[in-house]
Amino acid sequence: MNAVTLDRAPLGTPLLLTSTHPDGTVARRLASLGLRRGARVSLLQKLTSGGRIVSVSGGRVAIGSTVLAELEAEVAP
């Protein structure tokens, strides 16, 4: 699998985040939650709003669909 945005990535697949959000403020907030380039993540659940529950750094974070569409990942080796 090549790079895919997190709003289209499959649930339960270990992923490696390859890009961060283009807006610096949003990128810093995501980084404080563990969502930074090189982080290992997994999508756990789809939300009715289009967002996802993301597992990162031993925790779970709800991320909206517009933010997910800006984050790219690849299947983790």
PDB file of N, CA and C in Angstrom:
ATOM      1  N   MET A   1       0.845  -1.190   0.000  1.00  0.00           N
ATOM      2  CA  MET A   1       0.000   0.000   0.000  1.00  0.00           C
ATOM      3  C   MET A   1       0.881   1.241   0.000  1.00  0.00           C
ATOM      4  N   ASN A   2       0.598   2.192  -0.864  1.00  0.00           N
ATOM      5  CA  ASN A   2       1.303   3.463  -0.877  1.00  0.00           C
ATOM      6  C   ASN A   2       0.690   4.373   0.169  1.00  0.00           C
ATOM      7  N   ALA A   3       1.135   5.617   0.184  1.00  0.00           N
ATOM      8  CA  ALA A   3       0.601   6.574   1.151  1.00  0.00           C
ATOM      9  C   ALA A   3      -0.906   6.737   0.951  1.00  0.00           C
ATOM     10  N   VAL A   4      -1.612   6.813   2.064  1.00  0.00           N
ATOM     11  CA  VAL A   4      -3.059   6.996   2.042  1.00  0.00           C
ATOM     12  C   VAL A   4      -3.402   7.981   3.155  1.00  0.00           C
ATOM     13  N   THR A   5      -4.415   8.804   2.929  1.00  0.00           N
ATOM     14  CA  THR A   5      -4.834   9.717   3.984  1.00  0.00           C
ATOM     15  C   THR A   5      -5.586   8.927   5.049  1.00  0.00           C
ATOM     16  N   LEU A   6      -5.520   9.402   6.286  1.00  0.00           N
ATOM     17  CA  LEU A   6      -6.123   8.659   7.384  1.00  0.00           C
ATOM     18  C   LEU A   6      -7.639   8.556   7.292  1.00  0.00           C
ATOM     19  N   ASP A   7      -8.282   9.445   6.545  1.00  0.00           N
ATOM     20  CA  ASP A   7      -9.732   9.325   6.384  1.00  0.00           C
ATOM     21  C   ASP A   7     -10.106   8.165   5.470  1.00  0.00           C
ATOM     22  N   ARG A   8      -9.119   7.612   4.738  1.00  0.00           N
ATOM     23  CA  ARG A   8      -9.368   6.488   3.822  1.00  0.00           C
ATOM     24  C   ARG A   8      -8.618   5.220   4.217  1.00  0.00           C
ATOM     25  N   ALA A   9      -7.821   5.292   5.258  1.00  0.00           N
ATOM     26  CA  ALA A   9      -7.029   4.134   5.690  1.00  0.00           C
ATOM     27  C   ALA A   9      -7.936   3.080   6.329  1.00  0.00           C
ATOM     28  N   PRO A  10      -7.572   1.807   6.202  1.00  0.00           N
ATOM     29  CA  PRO A  10      -8.387   0.736   6.779  1.00  0.00           C
ATOM     30  C   PRO A  10      -8.269   0.677   8.306  1.00  0.00           C
ATOM     31  N   LEU A  11      -9.341   0.268   8.934  1.00  0.00           N
ATOM     32  CA  LEU A  11      -9.343   0.093  10.386  1.00  0.00           C
ATOM     33  C   LEU A  11      -8.443  -1.076  10.779  1.00  0.00           C
ATOM     34  N   GLY A  12      -7.789  -0.948  11.926  1.00  0.00           N
ATOM     35  CA  GLY A  12      -7.026  -2.050  12.504  1.00  0.00           C
ATOM     36  C   GLY A  12      -5.676  -2.326  11.888  1.00  0.00           C
ATOM     37  N   THR A  13      -5.275  -1.576  10.879  1.00  0.00           N
ATOM     38  CA  THR A  13      -3.983  -1.787  10.227  1.00  0.00           C
ATOM     39  C   THR A  13      -2.930  -0.905  10.893  1.00  0.00           C
ATOM     40  N   PRO A  14      -1.790  -1.457  11.294  1.00  0.00           N
ATOM     41  CA  PRO A  14      -0.724  -0.620  11.863  1.00  0.00           C
ATOM     42  C   PRO A  14      -0.175   0.311  10.783  1.00  0.00           C
ATOM     43  N   LEU A  15      -0.148   1.594  11.087  1.00  0.00           N
ATOM     44  CA  LEU A  15       0.274   2.608  10.120  1.00  0.00           C
ATOM     45  C   LEU A  15       1.420   3.442  10.676  1.00  0.00           C
ATOM     46  N   LEU A  16       2.183   4.022   9.768  1.00  0.00           N
ATOM     47  CA  LEU A  16       3.264   4.927  10.116  1.00  0.00           C
ATOM     48  C   LEU A  16       2.922   6.282   9.506  1.00  0.00           C
ATOM     49  N   LEU A  17       2.764   7.294  10.340  1.00  0.00           N
ATOM     50  CA  LEU A  17       2.378   8.625   9.864  1.00  0.00           C
ATOM     51  C   LEU A  17       3.532   9.228   9.063  1.00  0.00           C
ATOM     52  N   THR A  18       3.250   9.633   7.826  1.00  0.00           N
ATOM     53  CA  THR A  18       4.300  10.150   6.939  1.00  0.00           C
ATOM     54  C   THR A  18       4.195  11.644   6.691  1.00  0.00           C
ATOM     55  N   SER A  19       3.097  12.269   7.090  1.00  0.00           N
ATOM     56  CA  SER A  19       2.974  13.727   6.933  1.00  0.00           C
ATOM     57  C   SER A  19       2.204  14.294   8.113  1.00  0.00           C
ATOM     58  N   THR A  20       2.352  15.586   8.284  1.00  0.00           N
ATOM     59  CA  THR A  20       1.638  16.275   9.337  1.00  0.00           C
ATOM     60  C   THR A  20       0.674  17.277   8.709  1.00  0.00           C
ATOM     61  N   HIS A  21      -0.142  17.902   9.501  1.00  0.00           N
ATOM     62  CA  HIS A  21      -1.133  18.857   9.005  1.00  0.00           C
ATOM     63  C   HIS A  21      -0.424  20.111   8.488  1.00  0.00           C
ATOM     64  N   PRO A  22      -0.888  20.672   7.357  1.00  0.00           N
ATOM     65  CA  PRO A  22      -0.223  21.858   6.798  1.00  0.00           C
ATOM     66  C   PRO A  22      -0.365  23.123   7.656  1.00  0.00           C
ATOM     67  N   ASP A  23      -1.394  23.198   8.481  1.00  0.00           N
ATOM     68  CA  ASP A  23      -1.578  24.352   9.371  1.00  0.00           C
ATOM     69  C   ASP A  23      -0.713  24.140  10.612  1.00  0.00           C
ATOM     70  N   GLY A  24       0.202  25.065  10.861  1.00  0.00           N
ATOM     71  CA  GLY A  24       1.146  24.931  11.969  1.00  0.00           C
ATOM     72  C   GLY A  24       0.493  24.789  13.335  1.00  0.00           C
ATOM     73  N   THR A  25      -0.580  25.528  13.568  1.00  0.00           N
ATOM     74  CA  THR A  25      -1.272  25.454  14.858  1.00  0.00           C
ATOM     75  C   THR A  25      -1.882  24.071  15.060  1.00  0.00           C
ATOM     76  N   VAL A  26      -2.532  23.568  14.039  1.00  0.00           N
ATOM     77  CA  VAL A  26      -3.139  22.235  14.118  1.00  0.00           C
ATOM     78  C   VAL A  26      -2.044  21.181  14.249  1.00  0.00           C
ATOM     79  N   ALA A  27      -0.958  21.333  13.499  1.00  0.00           N
ATOM     80  CA  ALA A  27       0.150  20.370  13.558  1.00  0.00           C
ATOM     81  C   ALA A  27       0.746  20.306  14.957  1.00  0.00           C
ATOM     82  N   ARG A  28       0.903  21.452  15.612  1.00  0.00           N
ATOM     83  CA  ARG A  28       1.449  21.459  16.986  1.00  0.00           C
ATOM     84  C   ARG A  28       0.489  20.775  17.960  1.00  0.00           C
ATOM     85  N   ARG A  29      -0.798  21.013  17.807  1.00  0.00           N
ATOM     86  CA  ARG A  29      -1.789  20.375  18.688  1.00  0.00           C
ATOM     87  C   ARG A  29      -1.778  18.857  18.483  1.00  0.00           C
ATOM     88  N   LEU A  30      -1.721  18.421  17.229  1.00  0.00           N
ATOM     89  CA  LEU A  30      -1.668  16.990  16.937  1.00  0.00           C
ATOM     90  C   LEU A  30      -0.388  16.377  17.496  1.00  0.00           C
ATOM     91  N   ALA A  31       0.735  17.093  17.359  1.00  0.00           N
ATOM     92  CA  ALA A  31       2.011  16.594  17.891  1.00  0.00           C
ATOM     93  C   ALA A  31       1.935  16.423  19.401  1.00  0.00           C
ATOM     94  N   SER A  32       1.243  17.327  20.091  1.00  0.00           N
ATOM     95  CA  SER A  32       1.106  17.208  21.546  1.00  0.00           C
ATOM     96  C   SER A  32       0.289  15.974  21.934  1.00  0.00           C
ATOM     97  N   LEU A  33      -0.517  15.475  20.995  1.00  0.00           N
ATOM     98  CA  LEU A  33      -1.311  14.261  21.218  1.00  0.00           C
ATOM     99  C   LEU A  33      -0.579  13.000  20.743  1.00  0.00           C
ATOM    100  N   GLY A  34       0.630  13.195  20.188  1.00  0.00           N
ATOM    101  CA  GLY A  34       1.413  12.061  19.707  1.00  0.00           C
ATOM    102  C   GLY A  34       1.331  11.840  18.212  1.00  0.00           C
ATOM    103  N   LEU A  35       0.520  12.630  17.524  1.00  0.00           N
ATOM    104  CA  LEU A  35       0.345  12.478  16.073  1.00  0.00           C
ATOM    105  C   LEU A  35       1.342  13.367  15.341  1.00  0.00           C
ATOM    106  N   ARG A  36       2.542  12.838  15.157  1.00  0.00           N
ATOM    107  CA  ARG A  36       3.595  13.550  14.440  1.00  0.00           C
ATOM    108  C   ARG A  36       4.224  12.611  13.438  1.00  0.00           C
ATOM    109  N   ARG A  37       4.946  13.141  12.474  1.00  0.00           N
ATOM    110  CA  ARG A  37       5.596  12.339  11.441  1.00  0.00           C
ATOM    111  C   ARG A  37       6.439  11.247  12.107  1.00  0.00           C
ATOM    112  N   GLY A  38       6.272  10.010  11.654  1.00  0.00           N
ATOM    113  CA  GLY A  38       7.008   8.873  12.193  1.00  0.00           C
ATOM    114  C   GLY A  38       6.266   8.118  13.288  1.00  0.00           C
ATOM    115  N   ALA A  39       5.139   8.648  13.760  1.00  0.00           N
ATOM    116  CA  ALA A  39       4.366   7.983  14.816  1.00  0.00           C
ATOM    117  C   ALA A  39       3.652   6.752  14.264  1.00  0.00           C
ATOM    118  N   ARG A  40       3.596   5.709  15.070  1.00  0.00           N
ATOM    119  CA  ARG A  40       2.839   4.505  14.715  1.00  0.00           C
ATOM    120  C   ARG A  40       1.412   4.689  15.229  1.00  0.00           C
ATOM    121  N   VAL A  41       0.461   4.533  14.322  1.00  0.00           N
ATOM    122  CA  VAL A  41      -0.949   4.734  14.659  1.00  0.00           C
ATOM    123  C   VAL A  41      -1.774   3.582  14.113  1.00  0.00           C
ATOM    124  N   SER A  42      -2.977   3.471  14.644  1.00  0.00           N
ATOM    125  CA  SER A  42      -3.943   2.498  14.138  1.00  0.00           C
ATOM    126  C   SER A  42      -5.328   3.119  14.283  1.00  0.00           C
ATOM    127  N   LEU A  43      -6.140   2.963  13.264  1.00  0.00           N
ATOM    128  CA  LEU A  43      -7.515   3.466  13.324  1.00  0.00           C
ATOM    129  C   LEU A  43      -8.383   2.394  13.966  1.00  0.00           C
ATOM    130  N   LEU A  44      -9.062   2.757  15.040  1.00  0.00           N
ATOM    131  CA  LEU A  44      -9.828   1.778  15.810  1.00  0.00           C
ATOM    132  C   LEU A  44     -11.305   1.742  15.469  1.00  0.00           C
ATOM    133  N   GLN A  45     -11.874   2.904  15.178  1.00  0.00           N
ATOM    134  CA  GLN A  45     -13.325   2.968  15.017  1.00  0.00           C
ATOM    135  C   GLN A  45     -13.705   4.148  14.138  1.00  0.00           C
ATOM    136  N   LYS A  46     -14.722   3.938  13.291  1.00  0.00           N
ATOM    137  CA  LYS A  46     -15.293   5.033  12.498  1.00  0.00           C
ATOM    138  C   LYS A  46     -16.404   5.675  13.316  1.00  0.00           C
ATOM    139  N   LEU A  47     -16.470   6.998  13.270  1.00  0.00           N
ATOM    140  CA  LEU A  47     -17.525   7.728  13.951  1.00  0.00           C
ATOM    141  C   LEU A  47     -18.587   8.146  12.935  1.00  0.00           C
ATOM    142  N   THR A  48     -19.806   8.334  13.381  1.00  0.00           N
ATOM    143  CA  THR A  48     -20.883   8.691  12.462  1.00  0.00           C
ATOM    144  C   THR A  48     -20.626  10.030  11.778  1.00  0.00           C
ATOM    145  N   SER A  49     -19.843  10.891  12.400  1.00  0.00           N
ATOM    146  CA  SER A  49     -19.520  12.203  11.830  1.00  0.00           C
ATOM    147  C   SER A  49     -18.498  12.119  10.707  1.00  0.00           C
ATOM    148  N   GLY A  50     -17.907  10.933  10.505  1.00  0.00           N
ATOM    149  CA  GLY A  50     -16.856  10.775   9.505  1.00  0.00           C
ATOM    150  C   GLY A  50     -15.472  10.766  10.109  1.00  0.00           C
ATOM    151  N   GLY A  51     -15.368  11.107  11.381  1.00  0.00           N
ATOM    152  CA  GLY A  51     -14.089  11.073  12.082  1.00  0.00           C
ATOM    153  C   GLY A  51     -13.705   9.644  12.441  1.00  0.00           C
ATOM    154  N   ARG A  52     -12.586   9.507  13.108  1.00  0.00           N
ATOM    155  CA  ARG A  52     -12.089   8.193  13.528  1.00  0.00           C
ATOM    156  C   ARG A  52     -11.516   8.276  14.935  1.00  0.00           C
ATOM    157  N   ILE A  53     -11.526   7.146  15.624  1.00  0.00           N
ATOM    158  CA  ILE A  53     -10.783   7.007  16.875  1.00  0.00           C
ATOM    159  C   ILE A  53      -9.422   6.447  16.479  1.00  0.00           C
ATOM    160  N   VAL A  54      -8.367   7.157  16.869  1.00  0.00           N
ATOM    161  CA  VAL A  54      -7.007   6.791  16.491  1.00  0.00           C
ATOM    162  C   VAL A  54      -6.244   6.358  17.736  1.00  0.00           C
ATOM    163  N   SER A  55      -5.591   5.204  17.651  1.00  0.00           N
ATOM    164  CA  SER A  55      -4.721   4.733  18.718  1.00  0.00           C
ATOM    165  C   SER A  55      -3.310   5.237  18.416  1.00  0.00           C
ATOM    166  N   VAL A  56      -2.724   5.953  19.377  1.00  0.00           N
ATOM    167  CA  VAL A  56      -1.366   6.483  19.222  1.00  0.00           C
ATOM    168  C   VAL A  56      -0.721   6.607  20.594  1.00  0.00           C
ATOM    169  N   SER A  57       0.512   6.178  20.707  1.00  0.00           N
ATOM    170  CA  SER A  57       1.298   6.300  21.941  1.00  0.00           C
ATOM    171  C   SER A  57       0.563   5.742  23.162  1.00  0.00           C
ATOM    172  N   GLY A  58      -0.115   4.635  23.001  1.00  0.00           N
ATOM    173  CA  GLY A  58      -0.801   4.002  24.120  1.00  0.00           C
ATOM    174  C   GLY A  58      -2.120   4.640  24.507  1.00  0.00           C
ATOM    175  N   GLY A  59      -2.541   5.670  23.779  1.00  0.00           N
ATOM    176  CA  GLY A  59      -3.796   6.336  24.079  1.00  0.00           C
ATOM    177  C   GLY A  59      -4.719   6.316  22.877  1.00  0.00           C
ATOM    178  N   ARG A  60      -5.896   6.892  23.067  1.00  0.00           N
ATOM    179  CA  ARG A  60      -6.885   6.983  21.989  1.00  0.00           C
ATOM    180  C   ARG A  60      -7.311   8.426  21.843  1.00  0.00           C
ATOM    181  N   VAL A  61      -7.424   8.859  20.582  1.00  0.00           N
ATOM    182  CA  VAL A  61      -7.771  10.240  20.284  1.00  0.00           C
ATOM    183  C   VAL A  61      -8.844  10.236  19.200  1.00  0.00           C
ATOM    184  N   ALA A  62      -9.870  11.068  19.369  1.00  0.00           N
ATOM    185  CA  ALA A  62     -10.888  11.239  18.330  1.00  0.00           C
ATOM    186  C   ALA A  62     -10.438  12.385  17.429  1.00  0.00           C
ATOM    187  N   ILE A  63     -10.389  12.120  16.114  1.00  0.00           N
ATOM    188  CA  ILE A  63      -9.948  13.114  15.141  1.00  0.00           C
ATOM    189  C   ILE A  63     -11.042  13.281  14.085  1.00  0.00           C
ATOM    190  N   GLY A  64     -11.348  14.519  13.756  1.00  0.00           N
ATOM    191  CA  GLY A  64     -12.372  14.817  12.761  1.00  0.00           C
ATOM    192  C   GLY A  64     -11.928  14.502  11.345  1.00  0.00           C
ATOM    193  N   SER A  65     -12.895  14.323  10.465  1.00  0.00           N
ATOM    194  CA  SER A  65     -12.615  13.911   9.094  1.00  0.00           C
ATOM    195  C   SER A  65     -11.801  14.934   8.307  1.00  0.00           C
ATOM    196  N   THR A  66     -12.003  16.229   8.537  1.00  0.00           N
ATOM    197  CA  THR A  66     -11.237  17.225   7.788  1.00  0.00           C
ATOM    198  C   THR A  66      -9.758  17.197   8.162  1.00  0.00           C
ATOM    199  N   VAL A  67      -9.452  16.930   9.415  1.00  0.00           N
ATOM    200  CA  VAL A  67      -8.052  16.812   9.842  1.00  0.00           C
ATOM    201  C   VAL A  67      -7.471  15.502   9.312  1.00  0.00           C
ATOM    202  N   LEU A  68      -8.226  14.416   9.406  1.00  0.00           N
ATOM    203  CA  LEU A  68      -7.747  13.120   8.910  1.00  0.00           C
ATOM    204  C   LEU A  68      -7.386  13.183   7.429  1.00  0.00           C
ATOM    205  N   ALA A  69      -8.134  13.968   6.657  1.00  0.00           N
ATOM    206  CA  ALA A  69      -7.899  14.068   5.222  1.00  0.00           C
ATOM    207  C   ALA A  69      -6.555  14.721   4.893  1.00  0.00           C
ATOM    208  N   GLU A  70      -5.961  15.411   5.852  1.00  0.00           N
ATOM    209  CA  GLU A  70      -4.674  16.098   5.662  1.00  0.00           C
ATOM    210  C   GLU A  70      -3.485  15.265   6.133  1.00  0.00           C
ATOM    211  N   LEU A  71      -3.734  14.150   6.807  1.00  0.00           N
ATOM    212  CA  LEU A  71      -2.660  13.336   7.362  1.00  0.00           C
ATOM    213  C   LEU A  71      -2.449  12.086   6.516  1.00  0.00           C
ATOM    214  N   GLU A  72      -1.224  11.862   6.078  1.00  0.00           N
ATOM    215  CA  GLU A  72      -0.914  10.686   5.264  1.00  0.00           C
ATOM    216  C   GLU A  72      -0.134   9.667   6.081  1.00  0.00           C
ATOM    217  N   ALA A  73      -0.348   8.391   5.738  1.00  0.00           N
ATOM    218  CA  ALA A  73       0.353   7.304   6.420  1.00  0.00           C
ATOM    219  C   ALA A  73       0.602   6.175   5.434  1.00  0.00           C
ATOM    220  N   GLU A  74       1.508   5.281   5.821  1.00  0.00           N
ATOM    221  CA  GLU A  74       1.790   4.068   5.077  1.00  0.00           C
ATOM    222  C   GLU A  74       1.670   2.894   6.039  1.00  0.00           C
ATOM    223  N   VAL A  75       1.465   1.715   5.502  1.00  0.00           N
ATOM    224  CA  VAL A  75       1.423   0.521   6.350  1.00  0.00           C
ATOM    225  C   VAL A  75       2.772   0.390   7.035  1.00  0.00           C
ATOM    226  N   ALA A  76       2.749   0.196   8.351  1.00  0.00           N
ATOM    227  CA  ALA A  76       3.980   0.075   9.135  1.00  0.00           C
ATOM    228  C   ALA A  76       4.684  -1.233   8.798  1.00  0.00           C
ATOM    229  N   PRO A  77       6.022  -1.178   8.716  1.00  0.00           N
ATOM    230  CA  PRO A  77       6.784  -2.413   8.419  1.00  0.00           C
ATOM    231  C   PRO A  77       6.759  -3.380   9.587  1.00  0.00           C
TER     232      PRO A  77
END
